[in-house]
Amino acid sequence: MLNLNQSRDPTRLDRGESAFFAREAEHIKARTYDIKLRELKAFSLIPVSHEAGPGVNEITFRRYNGVGFAKIIGDYAKDFPRVDVYGVEDSVKVKSIGDSYGYNIKEIRMSNRTGKGLDSRRAATARRAHDEMANKLALISNPAMGTRGLIDYPGITETTIPADGSSGSTSWANKTEDQILRDIDILFDAVIISTFNREVPDTLLLPLENYRVLGNRRIQNTETTLMKYIMENKPWIKKIDWLYELSGAGAGKTNRAMVGMFDEEHITFEIPQPFEQFDARQDGMEYTIPCHSECAGCIVYYPMAFALADGV
């Protein structure tokens, strides 16, 4: 009697194995969409926008500004001042991100036989790689690719903090509590004063070591940390957070601090095409699942609502 198992093509799955693989692939795809990676802070810090949609090469946006003034006029006045609005057009490039994962035929058959299911960690790793790349694009500018990142976005106000710490240092590690609080005020004032109070930042972003300074240092002769004092006495500050990428991001590899308005009116994290997985394709003894997404970094619509200072 002919043994059908011996006659089949060993590089292809039979009907039952194919059905198993299809079910498992769909299950794994569903699971990877549910993964949350909170440590990639661009996703939690910057509002994510999918508005552009898949398939675009660049995202164009416009910033408008009103010019003109009003004045006191007489009953028969004819010289009404004229106001107008002008716009500036800008764009960022959309970049495709890709990777893949796969299973060989032996792994699929063994999983089908034992009923244990395929290892989903490969799919999770593929998803994480996409998110890590998108996170990087959102935080660090890449002029060669035409994308822009938060921590070095063009047009953000750059301010200078005094070098009056010990040995003429600007670092918070060498400053008093009062000097640190003053430096924070300088950062916020760089936005508030320059925009004539039109923009009032609500978020302070720091390198991790500076964030720890605020959490560990106490106001002299009290048990109140600098962090608690700031949140209780500066009501416009709604959030203080740390961002790893700010460490060494400043001039001369110094630490950089930032303030800004992190709502969708002021800044967005552009992901026209969220992470997607295509149908498996066979390559010899392996089935490979290609993965794709699209990202354009971030867009800061009002750069003057943000400010940075190096050397903290």
Protein backbone atom coordinates (compact mmCIF):
# COMPACT_ATOMS: atom_id res chain seq x y z
CA MET A 1 0.00 0.00 0.00
CA LEU A 2 1.30 3.47 -0.88
CA ASN A 3 2.32 5.60 2.11
CA LEU A 4 0.85 9.03 1.39
CA ASN A 5 3.05 10.70 4.00
CA GLN A 6 6.13 9.55 2.14
CA SER A 7 4.83 10.82 -1.19
CA ARG A 8 3.91 14.33 -0.15
CA ASP A 9 6.17 17.33 -0.77
CA PRO A 10 8.16 17.83 2.48
CA THR A 11 8.48 21.55 1.80
CA ARG A 12 4.71 22.14 1.89
CA LEU A 13 2.06 21.86 4.54
CA ASP A 14 -0.92 19.54 4.10
CA ARG A 15 -4.48 20.81 4.40
CA GLY A 16 -4.74 20.27 8.15
CA GLU A 17 -1.34 21.84 8.85
CA SER A 18 -2.17 24.81 6.64
CA ALA A 19 -5.45 25.37 8.49
CA PHE A 20 -3.63 25.21 11.83
CA PHE A 21 -0.97 27.67 10.66
CA ALA A 22 -3.59 30.10 9.35
CA ARG A 23 -5.46 30.07 12.69
CA GLU A 24 -2.26 30.51 14.67
CA ALA A 25 -1.05 33.35 12.45
CA GLU A 26 -4.31 35.25 12.91
CA HIS A 27 -4.16 34.70 16.68
CA ILE A 28 -0.56 35.95 16.87
CA LYS A 29 -1.35 39.01 14.74
CA ALA A 30 -4.23 39.93 17.05
CA ARG A 31 -2.00 39.60 20.09
CA THR A 32 0.75 41.86 18.73
CA TYR A 33 -1.74 44.66 18.16
CA ASP A 34 -2.52 44.61 21.89
CA ILE A 35 1.08 45.02 23.05
CA LYS A 36 1.75 48.18 25.08
CA LEU A 37 5.28 49.54 25.33
CA ARG A 38 5.08 52.32 27.87
CA GLU A 39 8.84 52.77 28.08
CA LEU A 40 8.83 54.20 24.55
CA LYS A 41 7.79 57.61 25.78
CA ALA A 42 7.02 59.32 22.50
CA PHE A 43 3.79 57.28 22.39
CA SER A 44 2.58 58.49 25.79
CA LEU A 45 4.07 61.99 25.67
CA ILE A 46 3.05 63.17 22.18
CA PRO A 47 -0.50 62.83 20.79
CA VAL A 48 -0.45 60.21 18.01
CA SER A 49 -2.11 61.14 14.71
CA HIS A 50 -3.14 58.75 11.92
CA GLU A 51 -4.93 61.53 10.03
CA ALA A 52 -2.69 61.54 6.94
CA GLY A 53 -3.56 57.91 6.14
CA PRO A 54 -1.41 55.27 4.42
CA GLY A 55 0.34 55.72 1.10
CA VAL A 56 1.38 59.39 1.32
CA ASN A 57 4.98 60.46 0.68
CA GLU A 58 4.91 63.57 2.82
CA ILE A 59 2.64 65.48 5.18
CA THR A 60 2.12 69.16 4.47
CA PHE A 61 0.82 71.53 7.13
CA ARG A 62 0.24 75.26 7.37
CA ARG A 63 0.83 77.71 10.18
CA TYR A 64 -1.23 80.89 10.16
CA ASN A 65 -0.58 84.18 11.89
CA GLY A 66 -2.71 87.29 12.13
CA VAL A 67 -1.19 90.74 11.71
CA GLY A 68 -2.61 94.19 12.32
CA PHE A 69 -4.11 96.29 15.09
CA ALA A 70 -7.24 98.16 16.07
CA LYS A 71 -7.40 101.75 17.25
CA ILE A 72 -9.81 104.24 18.74
CA ILE A 73 -11.75 105.99 15.96
CA GLY A 74 -13.93 109.06 15.67
CA ASP A 75 -17.62 109.16 14.69
CA TYR A 76 -16.82 109.96 11.06
CA ALA A 77 -13.59 108.03 10.74
CA LYS A 78 -12.69 106.40 7.45
CA ASP A 79 -9.15 105.24 8.19
CA PHE A 80 -9.97 101.83 9.66
CA PRO A 81 -6.72 99.87 10.21
CA ARG A 82 -6.49 96.81 8.00
CA VAL A 83 -5.71 93.40 9.48
CA ASP A 84 -4.76 90.29 7.55
CA VAL A 85 -3.72 86.68 7.92
CA TYR A 86 -0.72 85.03 6.32
CA GLY A 87 0.30 81.41 6.29
CA VAL A 88 3.56 79.47 6.10
CA GLU A 89 3.54 76.03 4.47
CA ASP A 90 5.86 73.27 5.61
CA SER A 91 6.14 69.51 5.15
CA VAL A 92 7.76 66.39 6.60
CA LYS A 93 8.64 63.15 4.82
CA VAL A 94 6.82 59.88 5.50
CA LYS A 95 9.11 56.89 5.89
CA SER A 96 8.21 53.21 5.61
CA ILE A 97 9.40 50.84 8.32
CA GLY A 98 9.68 47.12 7.66
CA ASP A 99 10.82 43.85 9.19
CA SER A 100 9.60 40.25 9.29
CA TYR A 101 9.45 37.08 11.34
CA GLY A 102 8.83 33.46 10.42
CA TYR A 103 8.49 29.79 11.26
CA ASN A 104 9.96 26.78 9.55
CA ILE A 105 7.82 23.81 8.54
CA LYS A 106 9.15 21.59 11.29
CA GLU A 107 8.14 24.13 13.97
CA ILE A 108 4.65 24.41 12.49
CA ARG A 109 4.17 20.63 12.37
CA MET A 110 5.47 20.12 15.91
CA SER A 111 3.14 22.84 17.23
CA ASN A 112 0.21 21.29 15.38
CA ARG A 113 1.00 17.86 16.77
CA THR A 114 1.47 18.96 20.39
CA GLY A 115 -1.31 21.55 20.37
CA LYS A 116 0.94 24.10 22.11
CA GLY A 117 0.64 26.80 19.44
CA LEU A 118 3.37 28.80 17.77
CA ASP A 119 5.72 31.06 19.70
CA SER A 120 4.27 34.57 19.58
CA ARG A 121 7.43 36.26 20.88
CA ARG A 122 8.81 36.61 17.36
CA ALA A 123 5.79 38.65 16.31
CA ALA A 124 6.04 40.74 19.48
CA THR A 125 9.72 41.40 18.72
CA ALA A 126 8.84 42.51 15.20
CA ARG A 127 6.22 44.91 16.58
CA ARG A 128 8.64 46.27 19.17
CA ALA A 129 11.27 46.98 16.52
CA HIS A 130 8.73 49.10 14.61
CA ASP A 131 7.73 51.01 17.72
CA GLU A 132 11.35 51.63 18.68
CA MET A 133 12.11 53.09 15.27
CA ALA A 134 8.98 55.28 15.32
CA ASN A 135 9.85 56.42 18.85
CA LYS A 136 13.31 57.46 17.66
CA LEU A 137 11.93 59.35 14.66
CA ALA A 138 9.50 61.23 16.91
CA LEU A 139 12.20 62.33 19.34
CA ILE A 140 15.34 62.91 17.24
CA SER A 141 15.44 64.79 13.92
CA ASN A 142 16.94 63.12 10.87
CA PRO A 143 17.59 65.83 8.25
CA ALA A 144 18.84 63.27 5.71
CA MET A 145 15.47 61.51 5.78
CA GLY A 146 13.40 64.69 6.10
CA THR A 147 11.88 63.83 9.49
CA ARG A 148 11.87 65.95 12.65
CA GLY A 149 12.07 65.04 16.29
CA LEU A 150 10.97 66.79 19.46
CA ILE A 151 14.26 67.34 21.27
CA ASP A 152 15.98 69.20 18.40
CA TYR A 153 13.00 70.49 16.42
CA PRO A 154 13.89 73.59 14.35
CA GLY A 155 12.46 76.87 15.62
CA ILE A 156 12.15 75.89 19.28
CA THR A 157 13.33 78.70 21.56
CA GLU A 158 16.79 78.12 23.03
CA THR A 159 17.53 79.82 26.31
CA THR A 160 20.61 79.98 28.53
CA ILE A 161 20.73 79.25 32.24
CA PRO A 162 23.29 81.02 34.45
CA ALA A 163 26.64 79.39 35.13
CA ASP A 164 26.55 80.31 38.83
CA GLY A 165 26.81 76.87 40.40
CA SER A 166 29.94 75.78 42.22
CA SER A 167 33.06 76.30 40.06
CA GLY A 168 30.96 78.27 37.56
CA SER A 169 28.84 75.26 36.62
CA THR A 170 25.41 75.25 34.97
CA SER A 171 24.68 71.70 36.18
CA TRP A 172 21.93 71.22 38.75
CA ALA A 173 24.18 68.81 40.59
CA ASN A 174 26.29 71.84 41.55
CA LYS A 175 23.47 74.29 42.30
CA THR A 176 21.36 75.17 45.29
CA GLU A 177 17.63 74.50 45.48
CA ASP A 178 16.88 78.20 44.89
CA GLN A 179 19.11 78.26 41.81
CA ILE A 180 17.39 75.19 40.38
CA LEU A 181 13.94 76.73 40.90
CA ARG A 182 15.15 79.91 39.20
CA ASP A 183 16.49 77.92 36.22
CA ILE A 184 13.07 76.30 35.81
CA ASP A 185 11.44 79.73 35.84
CA ILE A 186 13.90 80.86 33.15
CA LEU A 187 12.83 77.95 30.95
CA PHE A 188 9.13 78.71 31.29
CA ASP A 189 9.66 82.45 30.90
CA ALA A 190 11.44 81.80 27.60
CA VAL A 191 8.02 80.82 26.23
CA ILE A 192 5.66 82.94 28.31
CA ILE A 193 7.46 86.25 27.85
CA SER A 194 8.41 85.77 24.19
CA THR A 195 4.79 84.97 23.25
CA PHE A 196 3.32 87.74 25.43
CA ASN A 197 1.50 85.13 27.55
CA ARG A 198 -0.21 83.57 24.52
CA GLU A 199 1.56 80.29 25.26
CA VAL A 200 2.02 78.95 28.78
CA PRO A 201 3.83 75.58 28.84
CA ASP A 202 2.36 72.95 31.14
CA THR A 203 5.03 70.22 30.94
CA LEU A 204 8.65 70.07 32.09
CA LEU A 205 10.83 67.34 30.55
CA LEU A 206 14.18 66.42 32.06
CA PRO A 207 16.97 63.87 31.72
CA LEU A 208 16.56 61.08 34.26
CA GLU A 209 19.39 62.34 36.51
CA ASN A 210 17.84 65.81 36.71
CA TYR A 211 14.41 64.32 37.38
CA ARG A 212 15.95 62.48 40.32
CA VAL A 213 17.42 65.74 41.62
CA LEU A 214 13.91 67.17 41.88
CA GLY A 215 12.66 64.01 43.55
CA ASN A 216 15.51 63.68 46.06
CA ARG A 217 16.54 67.23 46.96
CA ARG A 218 14.53 68.94 49.70
CA ILE A 219 13.79 72.56 50.39
CA GLN A 220 16.17 73.63 53.13
CA ASN A 221 14.94 72.84 56.66
CA THR A 222 11.84 71.03 55.35
CA GLU A 223 10.78 67.56 54.24
CA THR A 224 9.35 68.96 50.99
CA THR A 225 11.13 67.81 47.84
CA LEU A 226 11.73 70.18 44.96
CA MET A 227 9.31 68.10 42.90
CA LYS A 228 6.51 68.50 45.43
CA TYR A 229 7.24 72.19 45.93
CA ILE A 230 7.06 72.89 42.17
CA MET A 231 3.78 71.01 41.71
CA GLU A 232 2.21 72.79 44.70
CA ASN A 233 3.48 76.30 44.02
CA LYS A 234 3.60 76.61 40.24
CA PRO A 235 0.03 75.80 39.16
CA TRP A 236 0.72 76.17 35.43
CA ILE A 237 3.00 73.11 35.58
CA LYS A 238 0.75 70.06 35.18
CA LYS A 239 3.40 67.44 34.50
CA ILE A 240 7.08 66.79 35.21
CA ASP A 241 8.57 63.77 33.45
CA TRP A 242 11.91 62.33 32.40
CA LEU A 243 13.04 61.46 28.90
CA TYR A 244 16.12 59.29 28.41
CA GLU A 245 16.97 60.91 25.07
CA LEU A 246 17.56 64.30 26.76
CA SER A 247 20.66 62.96 28.50
CA GLY A 248 23.66 64.24 26.54
CA ALA A 249 21.43 65.83 23.88
CA GLY A 250 22.70 69.37 24.51
CA ALA A 251 25.70 71.26 23.17
CA GLY A 252 28.93 69.53 24.15
CA LYS A 253 26.98 66.38 25.11
CA THR A 254 25.48 68.17 28.10
CA ASN A 255 22.02 67.44 29.46
CA ARG A 256 19.05 69.22 27.93
CA ALA A 257 15.82 70.33 29.64
CA MET A 258 12.61 71.21 27.79
CA VAL A 259 9.22 72.78 28.43
CA GLY A 260 6.21 72.81 26.15
CA MET A 261 2.53 72.33 25.42
CA PHE A 262 1.94 68.65 24.67
CA ASP A 263 -1.54 68.63 23.19
CA GLU A 264 -2.64 67.90 19.63
CA GLU A 265 -3.04 71.60 18.87
CA HIS A 266 0.68 72.15 19.41
CA ILE A 267 2.35 68.85 18.50
CA THR A 268 1.52 65.47 16.93
CA PHE A 269 3.33 62.17 16.48
CA GLU A 270 2.63 61.27 12.84
CA ILE A 271 1.98 57.58 12.10
CA PRO A 272 0.03 57.49 8.80
CA GLN A 273 0.07 53.68 8.72
CA PRO A 274 0.03 51.82 12.05
CA PHE A 275 1.82 48.48 12.36
CA GLU A 276 0.40 45.87 9.98
CA GLN A 277 1.26 42.27 9.08
CA PHE A 278 0.85 40.72 5.66
CA ASP A 279 -0.02 37.15 4.67
CA ALA A 280 2.69 34.56 5.18
CA ARG A 281 4.82 33.74 2.16
CA GLN A 282 6.81 30.56 1.67
CA ASP A 283 10.53 30.66 1.06
CA GLY A 284 11.89 27.12 0.90
CA MET A 285 11.25 25.45 4.26
CA GLU A 286 10.16 28.65 5.98
CA TYR A 287 7.01 30.74 6.09
CA THR A 288 7.76 34.45 6.54
CA ILE A 289 5.34 37.18 7.68
CA PRO A 290 6.38 40.67 6.43
CA CYS A 291 5.51 43.61 8.71
CA HIS A 292 5.11 47.25 7.74
CA SER A 293 4.31 50.68 9.17
CA GLU A 294 4.79 54.33 8.20
CA CYS A 295 6.06 57.22 10.31
CA ALA A 296 6.89 60.89 9.72
CA GLY A 297 8.36 61.78 13.11
CA CYS A 298 6.61 64.62 14.88
CA ILE A 299 5.19 67.97 13.83
CA VAL A 300 5.43 70.98 16.15
CA TYR A 301 2.82 73.45 14.93
CA TYR A 302 3.83 76.23 17.32
CA PRO A 303 7.59 75.99 17.97
CA MET A 304 7.48 79.08 20.19
CA ALA A 305 5.30 77.15 22.64
CA PHE A 306 8.42 75.10 23.44
CA ALA A 307 11.81 75.99 24.89
CA LEU A 308 15.01 74.18 25.74
CA ALA A 309 18.13 74.81 27.80
CA ASP A 310 21.42 72.92 27.76
CA GLY A 311 23.86 72.25 30.55
CA VAL A 312 21.43 71.31 33.30
